[in-house]
Amino acid sequence: MAKAKTAYVCADCGAEHSKWQGQCIECGVWNTLSEFVVQPAVKSAGAARSSSGYAGAAAGAPKITPLTSVALTAEMRTLTGISELDRVLGGGLVDGSVVLIGGDPGIGKSTLLLQMLGKLGEQLPSVYVTGEESLGQVAARAQRLDLPLGPLHALAETCIERILEQAVASRPRVLVIDSIQTIWTELLTAAPGSVSQVRESAAKLTRFAKETGTSVFLVGHVTKEGGIAGPRVLEHMVDAVLYFEGESGSRFRVLRAFKNRFGAVNELGVFAMSEKGLREVPNPSAIFLSAHSGPTSGSAVMVTREGTRPLLVEVQALVDQSSLGNPRRVALGLEQNRLAMLLAVLHRHGGVAAYDQDVFVNVVGGIRVQETAADLPVLLAVLSSLRDRPLPEKAVAFGEVGLSGEIRPVPNGEERLKEAAHHGFQRAIVPKANAPKKGRVGDMEVVGVERLSQAIDATR
């Protein structure tokens, strides 16, 4: 029998090393290497070699096929009954897909998946595999959510071989594993939750999904750094990676797609946690806008775009005299380095200095804006707070600010303007390239600007 080979995998980046060492060579992180056993490869029975080289391919081996002869058919999708989840998945559930869902403890991962299985009902046979709770706890949660217990089938098991045996016998169309960190395989001696156990269990589930066409959902724990526990290679093995986000104490939850082989990335689904579980929010722009009683300085409304959905988001800024030699720059929901760059542009091309001021910027609602369309609203909010002068009421803005002070256009400007007009805004300050020729969208006036100085003048 061949001796088992031992390798060491980095839990942060998934890189393999031949021996243990304190620091990962690939990513430079310390104390992240974990030992796992590499299974020896099994030689194919149909392969043979002659003295001149390879003699022939094994019977039934895959062959090289031109793509022109492959039938291009769209993926068969099934609606889950939860429209926000369908949006993030790219239009529905794809047969044979493997989806990894991560999030903080108690944020609603198990609740969402149990509600999904209840919505699917008898349409798709499903099995909910729990490795952390008893069957009684799962049934009690389903009753609390007012879900029909008839079509719900659960299995309390953590051994992957026994789970797959039950899955082969029952032939479910949807299989939920809660959670992947509790699953272990008999082939390895490592403890459940280790790098090797998580990796091997996920590989077996992925192979099962592709061979049988079963849709598999994996629940992953999140570390204190915000990443899914286990090796990063786990994210490369699955078809989609979804993250549940939400502030502590807030009842709103955001489901975001960071990877999706069957749809757009950075798609967003918004939910509200209630006594009966997660409830969909059909108009998420309303929850991201604060209801001020009157005009407020330091507040600007922007139109961001998450996936295929335009969202109205409020950006708040607080500028205060600094008592430190090095003034603070704090950004929540935005990139901090970009805030420092925008303040330099405001000084150089807008004539407004903030080098002796503490600047705090926050995106209301806990959402994280990653696109450059937030540049202009951030600067307008900072300027409003610095001068203690509110921006015009019912005004919205978006646009990228260049280092030379120019206002650059952003994609999908027409959809952003229509979303703002739909919510009753009366004025929009946007890049000139995004402004319509008529200068209006419905009842909303659109002001197109080319320079930062023009945008500042348009707020007076």
Protein backbone atom coordinates (compact mmCIF):
# COMPACT_ATOMS: atom_id res chain seq x y z
CA MET A 1 0.00 0.00 0.00
CA ALA A 2 1.33 3.42 -0.96
CA LYS A 3 2.23 5.67 1.91
CA ALA A 4 -0.19 8.52 2.45
CA LYS A 5 1.25 11.90 1.52
CA THR A 6 0.94 14.80 3.93
CA ALA A 7 0.59 18.40 2.80
CA TYR A 8 -0.05 21.70 4.54
CA VAL A 9 -2.74 24.08 3.30
CA CYS A 10 -3.08 27.77 4.11
CA ALA A 11 -6.51 28.51 5.59
CA ASP A 12 -6.42 32.05 4.17
CA CYS A 13 -5.46 31.58 0.51
CA GLY A 14 -5.59 27.78 -0.02
CA ALA A 15 -1.94 27.45 -1.09
CA GLU A 16 -0.31 24.04 -0.49
CA HIS A 17 3.13 23.56 1.09
CA SER A 18 5.24 20.43 1.39
CA LYS A 19 6.19 21.14 5.02
CA TRP A 20 4.90 23.19 7.91
CA GLN A 21 6.16 26.71 8.39
CA GLY A 22 5.02 29.68 10.37
CA GLN A 23 4.25 31.97 7.44
CA CYS A 24 2.47 31.22 4.15
CA ILE A 25 4.76 32.02 1.22
CA GLU A 26 1.88 32.95 -1.09
CA CYS A 27 -0.14 35.42 1.03
CA GLY A 28 2.31 36.21 3.84
CA VAL A 29 -0.15 35.46 6.68
CA TRP A 30 1.23 33.82 9.83
CA ASN A 31 0.00 30.65 11.58
CA THR A 32 -2.54 29.60 8.94
CA LEU A 33 -1.05 26.29 7.74
CA SER A 34 -2.95 23.12 8.64
CA GLU A 35 -2.02 19.50 7.93
CA PHE A 36 -4.12 17.26 5.73
CA VAL A 37 -3.61 13.90 4.04
CA VAL A 38 -3.43 13.76 0.25
CA GLN A 39 -5.10 10.62 -1.08
CA PRO A 40 -2.91 8.71 -3.56
CA ALA A 41 -4.15 8.66 -7.14
CA VAL A 42 -5.68 5.41 -8.38
CA LYS A 43 -4.34 4.20 -11.69
CA SER A 44 -7.00 3.73 -14.38
CA ALA A 45 -7.63 0.08 -15.23
CA GLY A 46 -8.02 0.82 -18.91
CA ALA A 47 -4.76 2.69 -19.28
CA ALA A 48 -1.70 0.89 -20.57
CA ARG A 49 1.73 1.95 -21.62
CA SER A 50 4.00 0.39 -24.21
CA SER A 51 7.69 0.81 -24.75
CA SER A 52 7.02 3.66 -27.18
CA GLY A 53 4.74 5.55 -24.81
CA TYR A 54 1.00 5.76 -24.19
CA ALA A 55 -0.83 2.93 -25.93
CA GLY A 56 -4.44 4.03 -25.77
CA ALA A 57 -7.18 5.74 -23.86
CA ALA A 58 -9.36 4.00 -21.32
CA ALA A 59 -12.76 2.80 -22.39
CA GLY A 60 -15.35 5.48 -21.84
CA ALA A 61 -12.76 8.22 -21.33
CA PRO A 62 -13.82 11.76 -22.28
CA LYS A 63 -12.90 12.92 -25.77
CA ILE A 64 -11.98 16.33 -27.18
CA THR A 65 -15.13 17.84 -28.69
CA PRO A 66 -15.48 21.04 -30.75
CA LEU A 67 -17.86 23.52 -29.15
CA THR A 68 -19.77 23.88 -32.42
CA SER A 69 -21.13 20.37 -31.93
CA VAL A 70 -22.26 21.06 -28.36
CA ALA A 71 -25.93 21.98 -28.05
CA LEU A 72 -26.07 25.44 -26.48
CA THR A 73 -29.10 25.29 -24.25
CA ALA A 74 -29.98 27.64 -21.41
CA GLU A 75 -29.71 26.36 -17.86
CA MET A 76 -32.94 25.00 -16.46
CA ARG A 77 -33.89 27.25 -13.57
CA THR A 78 -36.47 26.75 -10.86
CA LEU A 79 -37.91 29.67 -8.91
CA THR A 80 -37.44 29.24 -5.17
CA GLY A 81 -40.52 31.27 -4.26
CA ILE A 82 -38.34 34.00 -2.68
CA SER A 83 -37.83 36.67 -5.33
CA GLU A 84 -34.90 38.37 -3.58
CA LEU A 85 -33.05 35.05 -3.40
CA ASP A 86 -33.86 34.32 -7.05
CA ARG A 87 -32.41 37.73 -7.98
CA VAL A 88 -29.11 37.02 -6.20
CA LEU A 89 -28.90 33.52 -7.70
CA GLY A 90 -29.25 34.99 -11.18
CA GLY A 91 -32.89 34.16 -11.91
CA GLY A 92 -33.54 30.96 -9.99
CA LEU A 93 -32.05 27.66 -8.89
CA VAL A 94 -29.88 25.80 -11.44
CA ASP A 95 -29.79 21.99 -11.41
CA GLY A 96 -26.45 20.64 -10.24
CA SER A 97 -25.27 23.94 -8.80
CA VAL A 98 -23.32 24.24 -5.53
CA VAL A 99 -23.99 27.43 -3.55
CA LEU A 100 -22.00 28.51 -0.49
CA ILE A 101 -23.80 30.86 1.93
CA GLY A 102 -21.76 32.63 4.63
CA GLY A 103 -22.62 35.10 7.36
CA ASP A 104 -22.29 35.95 11.02
CA PRO A 105 -23.91 33.61 13.56
CA GLY A 106 -27.62 34.26 13.99
CA ILE A 107 -27.95 36.49 10.94
CA GLY A 108 -30.51 34.20 9.27
CA LYS A 109 -28.71 31.71 7.02
CA SER A 110 -30.54 28.63 8.32
CA THR A 111 -33.84 30.52 8.47
CA LEU A 112 -33.59 31.58 4.83
CA LEU A 113 -32.76 28.07 3.59
CA LEU A 114 -35.55 26.49 5.66
CA GLN A 115 -38.01 29.04 4.28
CA MET A 116 -36.78 28.26 0.76
CA LEU A 117 -37.42 24.54 1.24
CA GLY A 118 -40.88 25.33 2.61
CA LYS A 119 -41.65 27.51 -0.44
CA LEU A 120 -40.49 24.82 -2.84
CA GLY A 121 -42.84 22.35 -1.13
CA GLU A 122 -43.64 19.32 -3.21
CA GLN A 123 -42.27 20.98 -6.36
CA LEU A 124 -38.74 19.79 -5.64
CA PRO A 125 -38.00 16.98 -3.14
CA SER A 126 -35.45 18.25 -0.66
CA VAL A 127 -33.43 17.20 2.37
CA TYR A 128 -32.20 19.50 5.14
CA VAL A 129 -29.04 18.02 6.72
CA THR A 130 -28.30 19.50 10.12
CA GLY A 131 -25.01 18.97 11.86
CA GLU A 132 -25.45 21.52 14.64
CA GLU A 133 -29.09 21.09 15.72
CA SER A 134 -31.37 18.20 16.56
CA LEU A 135 -34.37 17.29 14.45
CA GLY A 136 -36.62 18.62 17.22
CA GLN A 137 -34.99 22.04 17.01
CA VAL A 138 -35.39 22.14 13.23
CA ALA A 139 -39.07 21.14 13.50
CA ALA A 140 -39.68 23.77 16.19
CA ARG A 141 -38.15 26.48 14.01
CA ALA A 142 -40.25 25.39 11.02
CA GLN A 143 -43.41 25.61 13.15
CA ARG A 144 -42.43 29.07 14.39
CA LEU A 145 -42.02 30.18 10.76
CA ASP A 146 -45.47 28.75 9.88
CA LEU A 147 -43.95 26.43 7.27
CA PRO A 148 -45.73 23.30 6.06
CA LEU A 149 -44.06 20.31 7.72
CA GLY A 150 -45.28 17.76 5.17
CA PRO A 151 -42.78 18.43 2.35
CA LEU A 152 -39.87 19.13 4.74
CA HIS A 153 -37.44 16.24 5.27
CA ALA A 154 -34.46 16.52 7.61
CA LEU A 155 -31.44 14.39 8.48
CA ALA A 156 -29.25 14.78 11.57
CA GLU A 157 -25.87 13.44 10.44
CA THR A 158 -22.30 14.68 10.13
CA CYS A 159 -20.54 11.82 8.28
CA ILE A 160 -20.40 12.65 4.58
CA GLU A 161 -20.46 8.99 3.50
CA ARG A 162 -23.71 8.34 5.38
CA ILE A 163 -25.21 11.57 4.10
CA LEU A 164 -24.49 10.62 0.49
CA GLU A 165 -25.91 7.13 1.06
CA GLN A 166 -29.19 8.64 2.25
CA ALA A 167 -29.16 11.14 -0.61
CA VAL A 168 -28.66 8.41 -3.21
CA ALA A 169 -31.54 6.43 -1.72
CA SER A 170 -34.01 9.35 -1.43
CA ARG A 171 -32.88 11.20 -4.61
CA PRO A 172 -33.58 14.80 -3.52
CA ARG A 173 -33.46 17.67 -5.97
CA VAL A 174 -32.22 20.11 -3.32
CA LEU A 175 -29.74 19.26 -0.54
CA VAL A 176 -28.91 21.71 2.26
CA ILE A 177 -25.83 21.12 4.45
CA ASP A 178 -25.88 23.13 7.68
CA SER A 179 -23.01 23.55 8.17
CA ILE A 180 -20.01 22.39 6.15
CA GLN A 181 -17.69 22.88 9.16
CA THR A 182 -19.44 20.05 11.04
CA ILE A 183 -19.15 17.48 8.23
CA TRP A 184 -16.35 14.90 8.29
CA THR A 185 -15.23 11.94 6.19
CA GLU A 186 -14.08 8.50 7.31
CA LEU A 187 -11.09 8.65 4.96
CA LEU A 188 -9.30 11.22 7.11
CA THR A 189 -8.33 11.18 10.76
CA ALA A 190 -8.35 14.95 11.25
CA ALA A 191 -10.96 16.56 13.50
CA PRO A 192 -14.20 17.90 11.97
CA GLY A 193 -13.85 21.51 10.93
CA SER A 194 -10.18 21.17 10.00
CA VAL A 195 -8.89 22.23 6.62
CA SER A 196 -8.65 18.69 5.28
CA GLN A 197 -12.14 17.64 6.47
CA VAL A 198 -13.85 20.73 5.06
CA ARG A 199 -12.01 20.43 1.76
CA GLU A 200 -12.66 16.72 1.23
CA SER A 201 -16.32 16.92 2.31
CA ALA A 202 -16.98 19.85 -0.03
CA ALA A 203 -15.29 17.98 -2.89
CA LYS A 204 -17.50 14.92 -2.37
CA LEU A 205 -20.66 17.07 -2.27
CA THR A 206 -19.62 18.94 -5.40
CA ARG A 207 -18.98 15.67 -7.23
CA PHE A 208 -22.36 14.35 -6.11
CA ALA A 209 -24.13 17.52 -7.31
CA LYS A 210 -22.56 17.40 -10.77
CA GLU A 211 -23.21 13.68 -11.27
CA THR A 212 -26.85 13.65 -10.10
CA GLY A 213 -28.02 17.18 -10.96
CA THR A 214 -28.86 17.89 -7.31
CA SER A 215 -28.69 21.52 -6.18
CA VAL A 216 -26.55 21.72 -3.04
CA PHE A 217 -26.46 24.58 -0.53
CA LEU A 218 -23.53 24.77 1.89
CA VAL A 219 -23.71 26.93 5.02
CA GLY A 220 -20.30 28.30 6.04
CA HIS A 221 -19.25 29.89 9.30
CA VAL A 222 -17.64 33.32 9.17
CA THR A 223 -14.44 34.12 11.03
CA LYS A 224 -13.89 37.30 13.03
CA GLU A 225 -12.09 38.78 10.01
CA GLY A 226 -15.28 38.38 7.95
CA GLY A 227 -14.20 35.50 5.69
CA ILE A 228 -15.71 32.04 5.42
CA ALA A 229 -13.94 29.68 7.82
CA GLY A 230 -11.81 27.03 6.16
CA PRO A 231 -9.46 27.23 3.19
CA ARG A 232 -10.09 29.82 0.50
CA VAL A 233 -10.06 26.97 -2.00
CA LEU A 234 -13.59 26.16 -0.80
CA GLU A 235 -14.82 29.29 -2.57
CA HIS A 236 -13.20 28.15 -5.83
CA MET A 237 -14.88 24.73 -5.69
CA VAL A 238 -18.47 26.03 -5.62
CA ASP A 239 -20.53 27.73 -8.31
CA ALA A 240 -21.79 30.66 -6.24
CA VAL A 241 -20.72 32.40 -3.03
CA LEU A 242 -23.36 34.43 -1.17
CA TYR A 243 -22.76 36.51 1.95
CA PHE A 244 -25.36 37.60 4.50
CA GLU A 245 -24.59 41.07 5.83
CA GLY A 246 -26.28 43.21 8.44
CA GLU A 247 -25.53 45.51 11.35
CA SER A 248 -25.98 44.21 14.87
CA GLY A 249 -29.25 45.48 16.26
CA SER A 250 -30.74 46.15 12.83
CA ARG A 251 -33.55 44.00 11.51
CA PHE A 252 -32.51 44.44 7.88
CA ARG A 253 -30.34 41.83 6.15
CA VAL A 254 -28.51 42.11 2.84
CA LEU A 255 -27.69 39.03 0.75
CA ARG A 256 -24.88 39.74 -1.70
CA ALA A 257 -23.37 37.54 -4.42
CA PHE A 258 -19.56 37.67 -4.59
CA LYS A 259 -19.24 34.86 -7.11
CA ASN A 260 -21.85 33.39 -9.44
CA ARG A 261 -21.21 31.20 -12.47
CA PHE A 262 -24.87 31.44 -13.46
CA GLY A 263 -25.57 35.14 -12.95
CA ALA A 264 -24.22 38.59 -12.21
CA VAL A 265 -21.89 39.21 -9.27
CA ASN A 266 -22.52 41.95 -6.69
CA GLU A 267 -26.26 41.31 -7.02
CA LEU A 268 -28.15 42.37 -3.94
CA GLY A 269 -31.16 40.95 -2.08
CA VAL A 270 -32.70 42.79 0.88
CA PHE A 271 -34.63 41.12 3.71
CA ALA A 272 -36.16 42.21 6.99
CA MET A 273 -36.10 39.89 10.01
CA SER A 274 -39.50 39.45 11.66
CA GLU A 275 -41.13 37.04 14.11
CA LYS A 276 -42.11 34.83 11.17
CA GLY A 277 -38.63 34.73 9.66
CA LEU A 278 -37.11 36.72 6.83
CA ARG A 279 -39.45 38.97 4.88
CA GLU A 280 -38.58 40.37 1.45
CA VAL A 281 -38.14 44.13 1.01
CA PRO A 282 -39.48 45.01 -2.46
CA ASN A 283 -38.41 48.69 -2.24
CA PRO A 284 -34.96 48.70 -0.57
CA SER A 285 -34.28 52.35 -1.44
CA ALA A 286 -36.80 53.41 1.21
CA ILE A 287 -34.85 51.76 4.07
CA PHE A 288 -31.53 53.34 3.04
CA LEU A 289 -32.93 56.89 3.10
CA SER A 290 -33.27 58.62 6.45
CA ALA A 291 -36.53 60.45 7.10
CA HIS A 292 -35.25 63.88 8.17
CA SER A 293 -37.81 66.37 9.46
CA GLY A 294 -36.07 69.14 7.51
CA PRO A 295 -32.93 69.97 5.52
CA THR A 296 -29.82 68.63 7.24
CA SER A 297 -26.24 69.66 6.63
CA GLY A 298 -23.73 66.92 5.80
CA SER A 299 -26.28 64.69 4.05
CA ALA A 300 -26.35 63.79 0.35
CA VAL A 301 -28.38 61.22 -1.56
CA MET A 302 -26.78 59.18 -4.32
CA VAL A 303 -27.95 56.50 -6.75
CA THR A 304 -25.72 53.46 -6.61
CA ARG A 305 -26.09 50.30 -8.64
CA GLU A 306 -25.86 46.84 -7.11
CA GLY A 307 -25.91 44.19 -9.82
CA THR A 308 -28.95 44.96 -11.97
CA ARG A 309 -30.73 47.11 -9.37
CA PRO A 310 -30.35 50.90 -8.85
CA LEU A 311 -30.55 51.91 -5.18
CA LEU A 312 -30.98 55.28 -3.51
CA VAL A 313 -28.52 55.56 -0.63
CA GLU A 314 -27.86 58.41 1.79
CA VAL A 315 -24.25 59.45 2.43
CA GLN A 316 -23.60 61.38 5.63
CA ALA A 317 -20.47 63.37 6.47
CA LEU A 318 -19.28 65.05 9.64
CA VAL A 319 -16.42 67.57 9.43
CA ASP A 320 -15.07 68.90 12.72
CA GLN A 321 -12.05 70.88 13.85
CA SER A 322 -9.22 68.47 14.66
CA SER A 323 -7.13 68.72 17.82
CA LEU A 324 -4.58 66.21 16.49
CA GLY A 325 -1.49 66.79 14.44
CA ASN A 326 -2.73 64.17 11.99
CA PRO A 327 -6.49 64.66 11.38
CA ARG A 328 -8.58 61.51 11.22
CA ARG A 329 -10.18 60.15 8.05
CA VAL A 330 -12.86 57.57 8.86
CA ALA A 331 -15.05 55.97 6.18
CA LEU A 332 -17.78 53.40 6.90
CA GLY A 333 -19.20 51.73 3.80
CA LEU A 334 -16.60 53.38 1.56
CA GLU A 335 -12.90 52.94 0.84
CA GLN A 336 -10.87 55.05 3.23
CA ASN A 337 -7.98 55.65 0.82
CA ARG A 338 -10.40 56.98 -1.77
CA LEU A 339 -11.81 59.43 0.79
CA ALA A 340 -8.33 60.86 1.36
CA MET A 341 -7.85 61.21 -2.40
CA LEU A 342 -11.21 62.99 -2.83
CA LEU A 343 -10.37 65.47 -0.07
CA ALA A 344 -7.14 66.31 -1.91
CA VAL A 345 -9.11 66.90 -5.13
CA LEU A 346 -11.57 69.10 -3.21
CA HIS A 347 -8.68 71.23 -1.97
CA ARG A 348 -6.81 71.45 -5.27
CA HIS A 349 -9.71 71.97 -7.69
CA GLY A 350 -12.54 73.13 -5.43
CA GLY A 351 -10.61 75.59 -3.31
CA VAL A 352 -11.87 74.03 -0.06
CA ALA A 353 -9.25 72.92 2.46
CA ALA A 354 -9.92 70.21 5.05
CA TYR A 355 -6.35 69.38 6.08
CA ASP A 356 -6.99 70.59 9.66
CA GLN A 357 -10.40 68.90 9.98
CA ASP A 358 -11.48 65.46 11.13
CA VAL A 359 -13.65 63.93 8.38
CA PHE A 360 -16.11 61.10 9.10
CA VAL A 361 -18.18 59.59 6.28
CA ASN A 362 -20.89 56.95 6.68
CA VAL A 363 -23.27 55.19 4.30
CA VAL A 364 -26.67 54.88 5.98
CA GLY A 365 -28.09 51.39 6.41
CA GLY A 366 -24.82 49.48 6.67
CA ILE A 367 -24.54 48.99 2.91
CA ARG A 368 -21.07 49.05 1.35
CA VAL A 369 -20.68 51.12 -1.83
CA GLN A 370 -17.84 49.88 -4.01
CA GLU A 371 -18.34 51.88 -7.20
CA THR A 372 -16.88 55.27 -8.12
CA ALA A 373 -20.31 56.88 -8.62
CA ALA A 374 -20.18 57.79 -4.92
CA ASP A 375 -17.32 60.28 -5.43
CA LEU A 376 -19.45 63.34 -6.16
CA PRO A 377 -22.06 62.74 -3.39
CA VAL A 378 -19.27 62.21 -0.84
CA LEU A 379 -17.63 65.51 -1.71
CA LEU A 380 -20.97 67.36 -1.65
CA ALA A 381 -21.78 65.88 1.77
CA VAL A 382 -18.33 66.86 3.11
CA LEU A 383 -18.72 70.39 1.73
CA SER A 384 -22.21 70.68 3.22
CA SER A 385 -20.98 69.66 6.68
CA LEU A 386 -17.92 71.92 6.51
CA ARG A 387 -20.01 74.99 5.65
CA ASP A 388 -22.96 73.85 7.82
CA ARG A 389 -25.22 74.49 4.86
CA PRO A 390 -27.75 71.83 3.75
CA LEU A 391 -27.87 70.76 0.14
CA PRO A 392 -30.97 71.65 -1.88
CA GLU A 393 -33.98 69.66 -0.73
CA LYS A 394 -35.03 66.67 -2.88
CA ALA A 395 -31.66 66.67 -4.66
CA VAL A 396 -29.69 63.62 -5.75
CA ALA A 397 -26.19 63.25 -7.20
CA PHE A 398 -23.83 60.70 -8.66
CA GLY A 399 -20.60 60.77 -10.66
CA GLU A 400 -16.92 59.85 -10.61
CA VAL A 401 -14.42 62.58 -9.73
CA GLY A 402 -11.04 62.50 -11.49
CA LEU A 403 -7.73 63.71 -10.10
CA SER A 404 -7.81 66.75 -12.40
CA GLY A 405 -11.22 67.79 -11.08
CA GLU A 406 -13.29 66.48 -13.98
CA ILE A 407 -16.64 64.73 -13.42
CA ARG A 408 -16.62 61.45 -15.30
CA PRO A 409 -19.76 59.56 -16.42
CA VAL A 410 -20.85 56.30 -14.82
CA PRO A 411 -22.64 53.32 -16.40
CA ASN A 412 -26.45 53.08 -16.57
CA GLY A 413 -27.04 56.78 -15.94
CA GLU A 414 -30.55 56.72 -17.45
CA GLU A 415 -31.72 53.95 -15.10
CA ARG A 416 -30.32 55.82 -12.10
CA LEU A 417 -32.18 59.00 -13.06
CA LYS A 418 -35.45 57.12 -13.56
CA GLU A 419 -35.10 55.54 -10.10
CA ALA A 420 -34.53 58.97 -8.51
CA ALA A 421 -37.51 60.48 -10.35
CA HIS A 422 -39.66 57.54 -9.29
CA HIS A 423 -38.98 58.37 -5.61
CA GLY A 424 -39.97 62.01 -6.01
CA PHE A 425 -36.62 63.77 -6.28
CA GLN A 426 -36.79 67.14 -8.05
CA ARG A 427 -33.17 67.84 -8.95
CA ALA A 428 -30.18 65.73 -9.99
CA ILE A 429 -26.51 66.77 -10.26
CA VAL A 430 -24.83 64.30 -12.61
CA PRO A 431 -21.96 64.12 -15.12
CA LYS A 432 -22.79 65.99 -18.30
CA ALA A 433 -22.37 62.79 -20.36
CA ASN A 434 -25.11 61.13 -18.27
CA ALA A 435 -27.55 64.06 -18.52
CA PRO A 436 -30.39 63.74 -21.06
CA LYS A 437 -30.60 66.26 -23.91
CA LYS A 438 -33.93 67.63 -22.68
CA GLY A 439 -32.46 68.37 -19.26
CA ARG A 440 -35.35 66.68 -17.45
CA VAL A 441 -36.53 63.21 -16.53
CA GLY A 442 -40.22 63.43 -15.83
CA ASP A 443 -40.65 66.28 -13.31
CA MET A 444 -37.01 66.14 -12.18
CA GLU A 445 -34.51 68.75 -13.35
CA VAL A 446 -31.14 67.28 -14.37
CA VAL A 447 -28.03 69.46 -14.10
CA GLY A 448 -25.05 68.17 -16.08
CA VAL A 449 -21.58 69.23 -14.85
CA GLU A 450 -18.10 68.70 -16.26
CA ARG A 451 -15.92 70.10 -13.46
CA LEU A 452 -16.00 69.91 -9.67
CA SER A 453 -16.33 73.68 -9.44
CA GLN A 454 -19.54 73.51 -11.51
CA ALA A 455 -20.97 70.85 -9.19
CA ILE A 456 -20.23 73.06 -6.16
CA ASP A 457 -21.94 76.02 -7.81
CA ALA A 458 -24.99 73.86 -8.62
CA THR A 459 -25.60 73.24 -4.89
CA ARG A 460 -25.97 76.92 -4.03
